[in-house]
Amino acid sequence: VQLQASGGGLVQPGGSLRLSCAASGRVFSINNAAWYRQTPGNQREFVAALTSGGATAYADSVQGRFDISKDSASDTVYLQMNNLKPEDTAAYYCYAAIRSSVGSRRIDYWGQGTQVTVSS
């Protein structure tokens, strides 16, 4: 199983981006999923999470601006980012707990980072 993150880029303050995290390989279901971000010299920080039951959680700094969602048909997790600010600039990483078959245990996977730069 691999997670492929994409959708990063350069955007002006106030703009929007949608990040995608596609799971490939032997994927039966994506359970919990999350996005984290990291800037140089700093620890990776939590951004948003989505449980298998559909509950969501967000960092205070992105609450009301970001939205995490999942498309089970395509095994893809999304992060819609609106009203972006320069302080949102970071490498964004996706995480997912995935079952490869019915009844199998969940295994944690991380995608590679996708860079988001918010600048005028």
PDB file of N, CA and C in Angstrom:
ATOM      1  N   VAL A   1       0.847  -1.193   0.000  1.00  0.00           N
ATOM      2  CA  VAL A   1       0.000   0.000   0.000  1.00  0.00           C
ATOM      3  C   VAL A   1       0.878   1.236   0.000  1.00  0.00           C
ATOM      4  N   GLN A   2       0.500   2.200  -0.813  1.00  0.00           N
ATOM      5  CA  GLN A   2       1.205   3.484  -0.859  1.00  0.00           C
ATOM      6  C   GLN A   2       0.197   4.619  -0.798  1.00  0.00           C
ATOM      7  N   LEU A   3       0.629   5.717  -0.176  1.00  0.00           N
ATOM      8  CA  LEU A   3      -0.158   6.938  -0.178  1.00  0.00           C
ATOM      9  C   LEU A   3       0.566   7.964  -1.030  1.00  0.00           C
ATOM     10  N   GLN A   4      -0.140   8.552  -1.967  1.00  0.00           N
ATOM     11  CA  GLN A   4       0.441   9.551  -2.856  1.00  0.00           C
ATOM     12  C   GLN A   4      -0.261  10.882  -2.624  1.00  0.00           C
ATOM     13  N   ALA A   5       0.467  11.843  -2.071  1.00  0.00           N
ATOM     14  CA  ALA A   5      -0.100  13.169  -1.830  1.00  0.00           C
ATOM     15  C   ALA A   5       0.181  14.077  -3.017  1.00  0.00           C
ATOM     16  N   SER A   6      -0.777  14.932  -3.344  1.00  0.00           N
ATOM     17  CA  SER A   6      -0.611  15.867  -4.448  1.00  0.00           C
ATOM     18  C   SER A   6      -1.496  17.081  -4.216  1.00  0.00           C
ATOM     19  N   GLY A   7      -1.325  18.085  -5.077  1.00  0.00           N
ATOM     20  CA  GLY A   7      -2.187  19.250  -5.029  1.00  0.00           C
ATOM     21  C   GLY A   7      -1.558  20.491  -4.451  1.00  0.00           C
ATOM     22  N   GLY A   8      -0.343  20.385  -3.946  1.00  0.00           N
ATOM     23  CA  GLY A   8       0.322  21.556  -3.394  1.00  0.00           C
ATOM     24  C   GLY A   8       0.722  22.527  -4.497  1.00  0.00           C
ATOM     25  N   GLY A   9       1.151  23.703  -4.072  1.00  0.00           N
ATOM     26  CA  GLY A   9       1.583  24.705  -5.043  1.00  0.00           C
ATOM     27  C   GLY A   9       1.711  26.065  -4.404  1.00  0.00           C
ATOM     28  N   LEU A  10       1.861  27.048  -5.266  1.00  0.00           N
ATOM     29  CA  LEU A  10       1.975  28.435  -4.840  1.00  0.00           C
ATOM     30  C   LEU A  10       0.617  29.120  -5.008  1.00  0.00           C
ATOM     31  N   VAL A  11       0.165  29.778  -3.963  1.00  0.00           N
ATOM     32  CA  VAL A  11      -1.132  30.451  -4.012  1.00  0.00           C
ATOM     33  C   VAL A  11      -1.022  31.776  -3.259  1.00  0.00           C
ATOM     34  N   GLN A  12      -1.806  32.747  -3.676  1.00  0.00           N
ATOM     35  CA  GLN A  12      -1.806  34.043  -3.002  1.00  0.00           C
ATOM     36  C   GLN A  12      -2.628  33.985  -1.720  1.00  0.00           C
ATOM     37  N   PRO A  13      -2.324  34.846  -0.776  1.00  0.00           N
ATOM     38  CA  PRO A  13      -3.151  34.900   0.441  1.00  0.00           C
ATOM     39  C   PRO A  13      -4.618  35.095   0.090  1.00  0.00           C
ATOM     40  N   GLY A  14      -5.465  34.351   0.791  1.00  0.00           N
ATOM     41  CA  GLY A  14      -6.890  34.375   0.501  1.00  0.00           C
ATOM     42  C   GLY A  14      -7.332  33.345  -0.515  1.00  0.00           C
ATOM     43  N   GLY A  15      -6.391  32.706  -1.158  1.00  0.00           N
ATOM     44  CA  GLY A  15      -6.717  31.715  -2.171  1.00  0.00           C
ATOM     45  C   GLY A  15      -7.038  30.352  -1.588  1.00  0.00           C
ATOM     46  N   SER A  16      -7.273  29.396  -2.475  1.00  0.00           N
ATOM     47  CA  SER A  16      -7.657  28.037  -2.068  1.00  0.00           C
ATOM     48  C   SER A  16      -6.815  26.990  -2.785  1.00  0.00           C
ATOM     49  N   LEU A  17      -6.667  25.872  -2.145  1.00  0.00           N
ATOM     50  CA  LEU A  17      -6.039  24.694  -2.738  1.00  0.00           C
ATOM     51  C   LEU A  17      -6.758  23.470  -2.205  1.00  0.00           C
ATOM     52  N   ARG A  18      -6.750  22.402  -2.980  1.00  0.00           N
ATOM     53  CA  ARG A  18      -7.260  21.126  -2.497  1.00  0.00           C
ATOM     54  C   ARG A  18      -6.165  20.091  -2.613  1.00  0.00           C
ATOM     55  N   LEU A  19      -5.763  19.542  -1.495  1.00  0.00           N
ATOM     56  CA  LEU A  19      -4.778  18.479  -1.464  1.00  0.00           C
ATOM     57  C   LEU A  19      -5.485  17.130  -1.571  1.00  0.00           C
ATOM     58  N   SER A  20      -4.832  16.206  -2.255  1.00  0.00           N
ATOM     59  CA  SER A  20      -5.354  14.856  -2.394  1.00  0.00           C
ATOM     60  C   SER A  20      -4.339  13.863  -1.855  1.00  0.00           C
ATOM     61  N   CYS A  21      -4.830  12.779  -1.306  1.00  0.00           N
ATOM     62  CA  CYS A  21      -3.976  11.703  -0.804  1.00  0.00           C
ATOM     63  C   CYS A  21      -4.613  10.398  -1.271  1.00  0.00           C
ATOM     64  N   ALA A  22      -4.039   9.823  -2.308  1.00  0.00           N
ATOM     65  CA  ALA A  22      -4.610   8.629  -2.922  1.00  0.00           C
ATOM     66  C   ALA A  22      -3.895   7.378  -2.436  1.00  0.00           C
ATOM     67  N   ALA A  23      -4.668   6.417  -1.973  1.00  0.00           N
ATOM     68  CA  ALA A  23      -4.114   5.140  -1.546  1.00  0.00           C
ATOM     69  C   ALA A  23      -4.149   4.161  -2.704  1.00  0.00           C
ATOM     70  N   SER A  24      -3.062   3.449  -2.904  1.00  0.00           N
ATOM     71  CA  SER A  24      -2.997   2.457  -3.970  1.00  0.00           C
ATOM     72  C   SER A  24      -2.435   1.155  -3.423  1.00  0.00           C
ATOM     73  N   GLY A  25      -2.673   0.096  -4.179  1.00  0.00           N
ATOM     74  CA  GLY A  25      -2.246  -1.217  -3.717  1.00  0.00           C
ATOM     75  C   GLY A  25      -3.424  -1.980  -3.145  1.00  0.00           C
ATOM     76  N   ARG A  26      -3.144  -2.854  -2.197  1.00  0.00           N
ATOM     77  CA  ARG A  26      -4.188  -3.685  -1.620  1.00  0.00           C
ATOM     78  C   ARG A  26      -4.907  -2.910  -0.515  1.00  0.00           C
ATOM     79  N   VAL A  27      -5.951  -2.188  -0.894  1.00  0.00           N
ATOM     80  CA  VAL A  27      -6.703  -1.351   0.034  1.00  0.00           C
ATOM     81  C   VAL A  27      -8.125  -1.870   0.128  1.00  0.00           C
ATOM     82  N   PHE A  28      -8.499  -2.335   1.303  1.00  0.00           N
ATOM     83  CA  PHE A  28      -9.886  -2.729   1.528  1.00  0.00           C
ATOM     84  C   PHE A  28     -10.689  -1.542   2.030  1.00  0.00           C
ATOM     85  N   SER A  29     -10.109  -0.818   2.995  1.00  0.00           N
ATOM     86  CA  SER A  29     -10.792   0.367   3.505  1.00  0.00           C
ATOM     87  C   SER A  29      -9.790   1.287   4.181  1.00  0.00           C
ATOM     88  N   ILE A  30     -10.082   2.584   4.065  1.00  0.00           N
ATOM     89  CA  ILE A  30      -9.341   3.594   4.823  1.00  0.00           C
ATOM     90  C   ILE A  30     -10.156   3.894   6.071  1.00  0.00           C
ATOM     91  N   ASN A  31      -9.575   3.699   7.220  1.00  0.00           N
ATOM     92  CA  ASN A  31     -10.265   4.007   8.466  1.00  0.00           C
ATOM     93  C   ASN A  31      -9.944   5.443   8.871  1.00  0.00           C
ATOM     94  N   ASN A  32      -9.188   5.650   9.901  1.00  0.00           N
ATOM     95  CA  ASN A  32      -8.834   7.004  10.281  1.00  0.00           C
ATOM     96  C   ASN A  32      -7.854   7.604   9.282  1.00  0.00           C
ATOM     97  N   ALA A  33      -7.972   8.901   9.068  1.00  0.00           N
ATOM     98  CA  ALA A  33      -7.065   9.610   8.174  1.00  0.00           C
ATOM     99  C   ALA A  33      -6.790  10.996   8.756  1.00  0.00           C
ATOM    100  N   ALA A  34      -5.676  11.564   8.355  1.00  0.00           N
ATOM    101  CA  ALA A  34      -5.320  12.877   8.894  1.00  0.00           C
ATOM    102  C   ALA A  34      -4.326  13.567   7.977  1.00  0.00           C
ATOM    103  N   TRP A  35      -4.225  14.861   8.170  1.00  0.00           N
ATOM    104  CA  TRP A  35      -3.207  15.676   7.517  1.00  0.00           C
ATOM    105  C   TRP A  35      -2.371  16.356   8.596  1.00  0.00           C
ATOM    106  N   TYR A  36      -1.071  16.409   8.342  1.00  0.00           N
ATOM    107  CA  TYR A  36      -0.134  17.115   9.204  1.00  0.00           C
ATOM    108  C   TYR A  36       0.672  18.053   8.313  1.00  0.00           C
ATOM    109  N   ARG A  37       1.365  18.996   8.928  1.00  0.00           N
ATOM    110  CA  ARG A  37       2.238  19.877   8.161  1.00  0.00           C
ATOM    111  C   ARG A  37       3.513  20.146   8.945  1.00  0.00           C
ATOM    112  N   GLN A  38       4.520  20.527   8.190  1.00  0.00           N
ATOM    113  CA  GLN A  38       5.825  20.738   8.805  1.00  0.00           C
ATOM    114  C   GLN A  38       6.570  21.824   8.060  1.00  0.00           C
ATOM    115  N   THR A  39       7.193  22.716   8.824  1.00  0.00           N
ATOM    116  CA  THR A  39       8.066  23.737   8.261  1.00  0.00           C
ATOM    117  C   THR A  39       9.498  23.427   8.693  1.00  0.00           C
ATOM    118  N   PRO A  40      10.470  23.930   7.943  1.00  0.00           N
ATOM    119  CA  PRO A  40      11.877  23.614   8.248  1.00  0.00           C
ATOM    120  C   PRO A  40      12.246  23.968   9.683  1.00  0.00           C
ATOM    121  N   GLY A  41      12.879  23.032  10.364  1.00  0.00           N
ATOM    122  CA  GLY A  41      13.338  23.256  11.722  1.00  0.00           C
ATOM    123  C   GLY A  41      12.280  23.059  12.789  1.00  0.00           C
ATOM    124  N   ASN A  42      11.075  22.712  12.373  1.00  0.00           N
ATOM    125  CA  ASN A  42       9.982  22.529  13.335  1.00  0.00           C
ATOM    126  C   ASN A  42       9.426  21.117  13.281  1.00  0.00           C
ATOM    127  N   GLN A  43       8.739  20.733  14.352  1.00  0.00           N
ATOM    128  CA  GLN A  43       8.112  19.420  14.382  1.00  0.00           C
ATOM    129  C   GLN A  43       6.870  19.405  13.509  1.00  0.00           C
ATOM    130  N   ARG A  44       6.525  18.211  13.075  1.00  0.00           N
ATOM    131  CA  ARG A  44       5.305  18.039  12.306  1.00  0.00           C
ATOM    132  C   ARG A  44       4.119  18.346  13.224  1.00  0.00           C
ATOM    133  N   GLU A  45       3.157  19.106  12.719  1.00  0.00           N
ATOM    134  CA  GLU A  45       2.004  19.477  13.538  1.00  0.00           C
ATOM    135  C   GLU A  45       0.711  19.002  12.921  1.00  0.00           C
ATOM    136  N   PHE A  46      -0.226  18.712  13.780  1.00  0.00           N
ATOM    137  CA  PHE A  46      -1.535  18.238  13.369  1.00  0.00           C
ATOM    138  C   PHE A  46      -2.318  19.339  12.667  1.00  0.00           C
ATOM    139  N   VAL A  47      -3.016  18.966  11.609  1.00  0.00           N
ATOM    140  CA  VAL A  47      -3.863  19.919  10.881  1.00  0.00           C
ATOM    141  C   VAL A  47      -5.333  19.504  10.952  1.00  0.00           C
ATOM    142  N   ALA A  48      -5.617  18.276  10.535  1.00  0.00           N
ATOM    143  CA  ALA A  48      -7.010  17.826  10.490  1.00  0.00           C
ATOM    144  C   ALA A  48      -7.065  16.309  10.530  1.00  0.00           C
ATOM    145  N   ALA A  49      -8.172  15.780  11.054  1.00  0.00           N
ATOM    146  CA  ALA A  49      -8.356  14.339  11.131  1.00  0.00           C
ATOM    147  C   ALA A  49      -9.787  13.969  10.820  1.00  0.00           C
ATOM    148  N   LEU A  50      -9.941  12.741  10.326  1.00  0.00           N
ATOM    149  CA  LEU A  50     -11.258  12.206   9.974  1.00  0.00           C
ATOM    150  C   LEU A  50     -11.304  10.767  10.467  1.00  0.00           C
ATOM    151  N   THR A  51     -12.319  10.440  11.278  1.00  0.00           N
ATOM    152  CA  THR A  51     -12.433   9.069  11.775  1.00  0.00           C
ATOM    153  C   THR A  51     -13.260   8.224  10.805  1.00  0.00           C
ATOM    154  N   SER A  52     -13.237   6.933  11.023  1.00  0.00           N
ATOM    155  CA  SER A  52     -14.009   6.025  10.179  1.00  0.00           C
ATOM    156  C   SER A  52     -15.503   6.289  10.322  1.00  0.00           C
ATOM    157  N   GLY A  53     -15.891   6.871  11.445  1.00  0.00           N
ATOM    158  CA  GLY A  53     -17.290   7.174  11.665  1.00  0.00           C
ATOM    159  C   GLY A  53     -17.714   8.512  11.113  1.00  0.00           C
ATOM    160  N   GLY A  54     -16.773   9.243  10.552  1.00  0.00           N
ATOM    161  CA  GLY A  54     -17.096  10.520   9.934  1.00  0.00           C
ATOM    162  C   GLY A  54     -16.862  11.735  10.801  1.00  0.00           C
ATOM    163  N   ALA A  55     -16.388  11.533  12.020  1.00  0.00           N
ATOM    164  CA  ALA A  55     -16.088  12.674  12.885  1.00  0.00           C
ATOM    165  C   ALA A  55     -14.819  13.363  12.400  1.00  0.00           C
ATOM    166  N   THR A  56     -14.794  14.674  12.545  1.00  0.00           N
ATOM    167  CA  THR A  56     -13.636  15.451  12.117  1.00  0.00           C
ATOM    168  C   THR A  56     -13.088  16.271  13.283  1.00  0.00           C
ATOM    169  N   ALA A  57     -11.829  16.603  13.169  1.00  0.00           N
ATOM    170  CA  ALA A  57     -11.171  17.461  14.151  1.00  0.00           C
ATOM    171  C   ALA A  57     -10.163  18.320  13.417  1.00  0.00           C
ATOM    172  N   TYR A  58     -10.000  19.537  13.891  1.00  0.00           N
ATOM    173  CA  TYR A  58      -9.110  20.484  13.227  1.00  0.00           C
ATOM    174  C   TYR A  58      -8.256  21.217  14.251  1.00  0.00           C
ATOM    175  N   ALA A  59      -7.068  21.594  13.814  1.00  0.00           N
ATOM    176  CA  ALA A  59      -6.254  22.487  14.625  1.00  0.00           C
ATOM    177  C   ALA A  59      -6.968  23.828  14.708  1.00  0.00           C
ATOM    178  N   ASP A  60      -6.807  24.506  15.819  1.00  0.00           N
ATOM    179  CA  ASP A  60      -7.463  25.798  15.992  1.00  0.00           C
ATOM    180  C   ASP A  60      -7.104  26.769  14.873  1.00  0.00           C
ATOM    181  N   SER A  61      -5.877  26.689  14.403  1.00  0.00           N
ATOM    182  CA  SER A  61      -5.391  27.642  13.411  1.00  0.00           C
ATOM    183  C   SER A  61      -6.055  27.482  12.045  1.00  0.00           C
ATOM    184  N   VAL A  62      -6.678  26.342  11.795  1.00  0.00           N
ATOM    185  CA  VAL A  62      -7.300  26.115  10.481  1.00  0.00           C
ATOM    186  C   VAL A  62      -8.807  25.910  10.582  1.00  0.00           C
ATOM    187  N   GLN A  63      -9.322  25.864  11.799  1.00  0.00           N
ATOM    188  CA  GLN A  63     -10.759  25.656  12.002  1.00  0.00           C
ATOM    189  C   GLN A  63     -11.568  26.698  11.225  1.00  0.00           C
ATOM    190  N   GLY A  64     -12.552  26.215  10.477  1.00  0.00           N
ATOM    191  CA  GLY A  64     -13.395  27.114   9.700  1.00  0.00           C
ATOM    192  C   GLY A  64     -12.849  27.446   8.329  1.00  0.00           C
ATOM    193  N   ARG A  65     -11.608  27.098   8.072  1.00  0.00           N
ATOM    194  CA  ARG A  65     -11.001  27.378   6.756  1.00  0.00           C
ATOM    195  C   ARG A  65     -10.685  26.106   5.994  1.00  0.00           C
ATOM    196  N   PHE A  66     -10.346  25.045   6.691  1.00  0.00           N
ATOM    197  CA  PHE A  66      -9.973  23.778   6.061  1.00  0.00           C
ATOM    198  C   PHE A  66     -11.080  22.744   6.267  1.00  0.00           C
ATOM    199  N   ASP A  67     -11.158  21.815   5.318  1.00  0.00           N
ATOM    200  CA  ASP A  67     -12.156  20.749   5.409  1.00  0.00           C
ATOM    201  C   ASP A  67     -11.534  19.438   4.950  1.00  0.00           C
ATOM    202  N   ILE A  68     -11.595  18.414   5.794  1.00  0.00           N
ATOM    203  CA  ILE A  68     -11.065  17.097   5.442  1.00  0.00           C
ATOM    204  C   ILE A  68     -12.228  16.198   5.040  1.00  0.00           C
ATOM    205  N   SER A  69     -12.006  15.419   3.996  1.00  0.00           N
ATOM    206  CA  SER A  69     -13.053  14.519   3.531  1.00  0.00           C
ATOM    207  C   SER A  69     -12.421  13.279   2.908  1.00  0.00           C
ATOM    208  N   LYS A  70     -13.262  12.305   2.609  1.00  0.00           N
ATOM    209  CA  LYS A  70     -12.769  11.047   2.051  1.00  0.00           C
ATOM    210  C   LYS A  70     -13.727  10.550   0.993  1.00  0.00           C
ATOM    211  N   ASP A  71     -13.181  10.034  -0.086  1.00  0.00           N
ATOM    212  CA  ASP A  71     -13.967   9.372  -1.122  1.00  0.00           C
ATOM    213  C   ASP A  71     -13.616   7.891  -1.070  1.00  0.00           C
ATOM    214  N   SER A  72     -14.496   7.088  -0.510  1.00  0.00           N
ATOM    215  CA  SER A  72     -14.192   5.663  -0.345  1.00  0.00           C
ATOM    216  C   SER A  72     -14.102   4.939  -1.678  1.00  0.00           C
ATOM    217  N   ALA A  73     -14.831   5.411  -2.672  1.00  0.00           N
ATOM    218  CA  ALA A  73     -14.812   4.743  -3.975  1.00  0.00           C
ATOM    219  C   ALA A  73     -13.436   4.809  -4.632  1.00  0.00           C
ATOM    220  N   SER A  74     -12.741   5.907  -4.393  1.00  0.00           N
ATOM    221  CA  SER A  74     -11.419   6.066  -5.009  1.00  0.00           C
ATOM    222  C   SER A  74     -10.285   5.949  -3.999  1.00  0.00           C
ATOM    223  N   ASP A  75     -10.629   5.636  -2.742  1.00  0.00           N
ATOM    224  CA  ASP A  75      -9.613   5.507  -1.688  1.00  0.00           C
ATOM    225  C   ASP A  75      -8.732   6.751  -1.631  1.00  0.00           C
ATOM    226  N   THR A  76      -9.381   7.901  -1.612  1.00  0.00           N
ATOM    227  CA  THR A  76      -8.673   9.174  -1.604  1.00  0.00           C
ATOM    228  C   THR A  76      -9.168  10.040  -0.457  1.00  0.00           C
ATOM    229  N   VAL A  77      -8.230  10.669   0.217  1.00  0.00           N
ATOM    230  CA  VAL A  77      -8.543  11.621   1.276  1.00  0.00           C
ATOM    231  C   VAL A  77      -8.182  13.016   0.774  1.00  0.00           C
ATOM    232  N   TYR A  78      -9.041  13.972   1.061  1.00  0.00           N
ATOM    233  CA  TYR A  78      -8.843  15.333   0.577  1.00  0.00           C
ATOM    234  C   TYR A  78      -8.679  16.307   1.739  1.00  0.00           C
ATOM    235  N   LEU A  79      -8.003  17.402   1.461  1.00  0.00           N
ATOM    236  CA  LEU A  79      -7.955  18.536   2.378  1.00  0.00           C
ATOM    237  C   LEU A  79      -8.237  19.787   1.555  1.00  0.00           C
ATOM    238  N   GLN A  80      -9.438  20.315   1.709  1.00  0.00           N
ATOM    239  CA  GLN A  80      -9.795  21.562   1.048  1.00  0.00           C
ATOM    240  C   GLN A  80      -9.341  22.706   1.939  1.00  0.00           C
ATOM    241  N   MET A  81      -8.522  23.580   1.388  1.00  0.00           N
ATOM    242  CA  MET A  81      -7.957  24.686   2.158  1.00  0.00           C
ATOM    243  C   MET A  81      -8.428  25.998   1.537  1.00  0.00           C
ATOM    244  N   ASN A  82      -9.155  26.768   2.302  1.00  0.00           N
ATOM    245  CA  ASN A  82      -9.677  28.045   1.842  1.00  0.00           C
ATOM    246  C   ASN A  82      -9.092  29.182   2.673  1.00  0.00           C
ATOM    247  N   ASN A  83      -9.177  30.390   2.113  1.00  0.00           N
ATOM    248  CA  ASN A  83      -8.684  31.583   2.807  1.00  0.00           C
ATOM    249  C   ASN A  83      -7.277  31.347   3.357  1.00  0.00           C
ATOM    250  N   LEU A  84      -6.411  30.889   2.483  1.00  0.00           N
ATOM    251  CA  LEU A  84      -5.059  30.551   2.918  1.00  0.00           C
ATOM    252  C   LEU A  84      -4.287  31.778   3.368  1.00  0.00           C
ATOM    253  N   LYS A  85      -3.432  31.545   4.359  1.00  0.00           N
ATOM    254  CA  LYS A  85      -2.622  32.610   4.940  1.00  0.00           C
ATOM    255  C   LYS A  85      -1.146  32.249   4.792  1.00  0.00           C
ATOM    256  N   PRO A  86      -0.259  33.242   4.803  1.00  0.00           N
ATOM    257  CA  PRO A  86       1.180  32.940   4.694  1.00  0.00           C
ATOM    258  C   PRO A  86       1.651  31.934   5.740  1.00  0.00           C
ATOM    259  N   GLU A  87       1.052  31.943   6.915  1.00  0.00           N
ATOM    260  CA  GLU A  87       1.470  31.012   7.963  1.00  0.00           C
ATOM    261  C   GLU A  87       1.023  29.576   7.700  1.00  0.00           C
ATOM    262  N   ASP A  88       0.235  29.372   6.657  1.00  0.00           N
ATOM    263  CA  ASP A  88      -0.119  28.008   6.246  1.00  0.00           C
ATOM    264  C   ASP A  88       0.963  27.374   5.377  1.00  0.00           C
ATOM    265  N   THR A  89       1.963  28.160   5.005  1.00  0.00           N
ATOM    266  CA  THR A  89       3.059  27.643   4.195  1.00  0.00           C
ATOM    267  C   THR A  89       3.772  26.520   4.930  1.00  0.00           C
ATOM    268  N   ALA A  90       3.864  25.364   4.287  1.00  0.00           N
ATOM    269  CA  ALA A  90       4.474  24.188   4.900  1.00  0.00           C
ATOM    270  C   ALA A  90       4.441  23.035   3.910  1.00  0.00           C
ATOM    271  N   ALA A  91       5.143  21.969   4.257  1.00  0.00           N
ATOM    272  CA  ALA A  91       4.987  20.696   3.568  1.00  0.00           C
ATOM    273  C   ALA A  91       3.864  19.950   4.267  1.00  0.00           C
ATOM    274  N   TYR A  92       2.901  19.499   3.505  1.00  0.00           N
ATOM    275  CA  TYR A  92       1.733  18.820   4.068  1.00  0.00           C
ATOM    276  C   TYR A  92       1.850  17.312   3.832  1.00  0.00           C
ATOM    277  N   TYR A  93       1.609  16.545   4.893  1.00  0.00           N
ATOM    278  CA  TYR A  93       1.730  15.092   4.857  1.00  0.00           C
ATOM    279  C   TYR A  93       0.379  14.460   5.210  1.00  0.00           C
ATOM    280  N   CYS A  94       0.030  13.418   4.472  1.00  0.00           N
ATOM    281  CA  CYS A  94      -1.194  12.702   4.802  1.00  0.00           C
ATOM    282  C   CYS A  94      -0.853  11.405   5.540  1.00  0.00           C
ATOM    283  N   TYR A  95      -1.803  11.006   6.356  1.00  0.00           N
ATOM    284  CA  TYR A  95      -1.704   9.769   7.133  1.00  0.00           C
ATOM    285  C   TYR A  95      -3.018   9.003   6.979  1.00  0.00           C
ATOM    286  N   ALA A  96      -2.925   7.695   6.940  1.00  0.00           N
ATOM    287  CA  ALA A  96      -4.138   6.885   6.903  1.00  0.00           C
ATOM    288  C   ALA A  96      -3.893   5.545   7.569  1.00  0.00           C
ATOM    289  N   ALA A  97      -4.894   5.090   8.281  1.00  0.00           N
ATOM    290  CA  ALA A  97      -4.896   3.742   8.847  1.00  0.00           C
ATOM    291  C   ALA A  97      -5.723   2.877   7.904  1.00  0.00           C
ATOM    292  N   ILE A  98      -5.090   1.884   7.318  1.00  0.00           N
ATOM    293  CA  ILE A  98      -5.707   1.140   6.213  1.00  0.00           C
ATOM    294  C   ILE A  98      -5.801  -0.349   6.539  1.00  0.00           C
ATOM    295  N   ARG A  99      -6.935  -0.930   6.192  1.00  0.00           N
ATOM    296  CA  ARG A  99      -7.102  -2.392   6.229  1.00  0.00           C
ATOM    297  C   ARG A  99      -6.926  -2.922   4.806  1.00  0.00           C
ATOM    298  N   SER A 100      -6.141  -3.956   4.676  1.00  0.00           N
ATOM    299  CA  SER A 100      -5.891  -4.513   3.349  1.00  0.00           C
ATOM    300  C   SER A 100      -6.895  -5.590   2.970  1.00  0.00           C
ATOM    301  N   SER A 101      -7.633  -6.112   3.936  1.00  0.00           N
ATOM    302  CA  SER A 101      -8.662  -7.112   3.652  1.00  0.00           C
ATOM    303  C   SER A 101      -9.650  -7.130   4.812  1.00  0.00           C
ATOM    304  N   VAL A 102     -10.743  -7.829   4.616  1.00  0.00           N
ATOM    305  CA  VAL A 102     -11.754  -7.929   5.658  1.00  0.00           C
ATOM    306  C   VAL A 102     -11.149  -8.568   6.901  1.00  0.00           C
ATOM    307  N   GLY A 103     -11.311  -7.909   8.030  1.00  0.00           N
ATOM    308  CA  GLY A 103     -10.836  -8.472   9.277  1.00  0.00           C
ATOM    309  C   GLY A 103      -9.367  -8.293   9.562  1.00  0.00           C
ATOM    310  N   SER A 104      -8.627  -7.743   8.601  1.00  0.00           N
ATOM    311  CA  SER A 104      -7.195  -7.542   8.836  1.00  0.00           C
ATOM    312  C   SER A 104      -6.993  -6.358   9.772  1.00  0.00           C
ATOM    313  N   ARG A 105      -5.866  -6.326  10.412  1.00  0.00           N
ATOM    314  CA  ARG A 105      -5.603  -5.220  11.325  1.00  0.00           C
ATOM    315  C   ARG A 105      -5.261  -3.971  10.517  1.00  0.00           C
ATOM    316  N   ARG A 106      -5.505  -2.830  11.151  1.00  0.00           N
ATOM    317  CA  ARG A 106      -5.185  -1.580  10.493  1.00  0.00           C
ATOM    318  C   ARG A 106      -3.686  -1.314  10.573  1.00  0.00           C
ATOM    319  N   ILE A 107      -3.144  -0.834   9.481  1.00  0.00           N
ATOM    320  CA  ILE A 107      -1.730  -0.489   9.424  1.00  0.00           C
ATOM    321  C   ILE A 107      -1.632   0.992   9.080  1.00  0.00           C
ATOM    322  N   ASP A 108      -0.701   1.682   9.752  1.00  0.00           N
ATOM    323  CA  ASP A 108      -0.512   3.107   9.512  1.00  0.00           C
ATOM    324  C   ASP A 108       0.404   3.348   8.319  1.00  0.00           C
ATOM    325  N   TYR A 109      -0.003   4.296   7.499  1.00  0.00           N
ATOM    326  CA  TYR A 109       0.801   4.681   6.340  1.00  0.00           C
ATOM    327  C   TYR A 109       0.915   6.203   6.293  1.00  0.00           C
ATOM    328  N   TRP A 110       2.024   6.662   5.744  1.00  0.00           N
ATOM    329  CA  TRP A 110       2.254   8.086   5.523  1.00  0.00           C
ATOM    330  C   TRP A 110       2.553   8.334   4.054  1.00  0.00           C
ATOM    331  N   GLY A 111       2.037   9.436   3.551  1.00  0.00           N
ATOM    332  CA  GLY A 111       2.378   9.849   2.208  1.00  0.00           C
ATOM    333  C   GLY A 111       3.600  10.766   2.241  1.00  0.00           C
ATOM    334  N   GLN A 112       4.140  11.019   1.054  1.00  0.00           N
ATOM    335  CA  GLN A 112       5.239  11.967   0.986  1.00  0.00           C
ATOM    336  C   GLN A 112       4.672  13.378   1.102  1.00  0.00           C
ATOM    337  N   GLY A 113       5.447  14.331   1.399  1.00  0.00           N
ATOM    338  CA  GLY A 113       4.960  15.692   1.565  1.00  0.00           C
ATOM    339  C   GLY A 113       4.634  16.362   0.242  1.00  0.00           C
ATOM    340  N   THR A 114       3.678  17.277   0.305  1.00  0.00           N
ATOM    341  CA  THR A 114       3.391  18.133  -0.836  1.00  0.00           C
ATOM    342  C   THR A 114       3.483  19.567  -0.329  1.00  0.00           C
ATOM    343  N   GLN A 115       4.255  20.381  -1.033  1.00  0.00           N
ATOM    344  CA  GLN A 115       4.566  21.725  -0.553  1.00  0.00           C
ATOM    345  C   GLN A 115       3.449  22.707  -0.879  1.00  0.00           C
ATOM    346  N   VAL A 116       3.038  23.454   0.129  1.00  0.00           N
ATOM    347  CA  VAL A 116       2.080  24.539  -0.036  1.00  0.00           C
ATOM    348  C   VAL A 116       2.786  25.836   0.339  1.00  0.00           C
ATOM    349  N   THR A 117       2.794  26.790  -0.578  1.00  0.00           N
ATOM    350  CA  THR A 117       3.408  28.089  -0.324  1.00  0.00           C
ATOM    351  C   THR A 117       2.365  29.171  -0.556  1.00  0.00           C
ATOM    352  N   VAL A 118       2.136  29.968   0.490  1.00  0.00           N
ATOM    353  CA  VAL A 118       1.163  31.051   0.406  1.00  0.00           C
ATOM    354  C   VAL A 118       1.932  32.356   0.449  1.00  0.00           C
ATOM    355  N   SER A 119       1.926  33.047  -0.681  1.00  0.00           N
ATOM    356  CA  SER A 119       2.715  34.261  -0.784  1.00  0.00           C
ATOM    357  C   SER A 119       2.170  35.136  -1.893  1.00  0.00           C
ATOM    358  N   SER A 120       2.305  36.436  -1.702  1.00  0.00           N
ATOM    359  CA  SER A 120       1.905  37.374  -2.751  1.00  0.00           C
ATOM    360  C   SER A 120       3.102  37.746  -3.617  1.00  0.00           C
TER     361      SER A 120
END
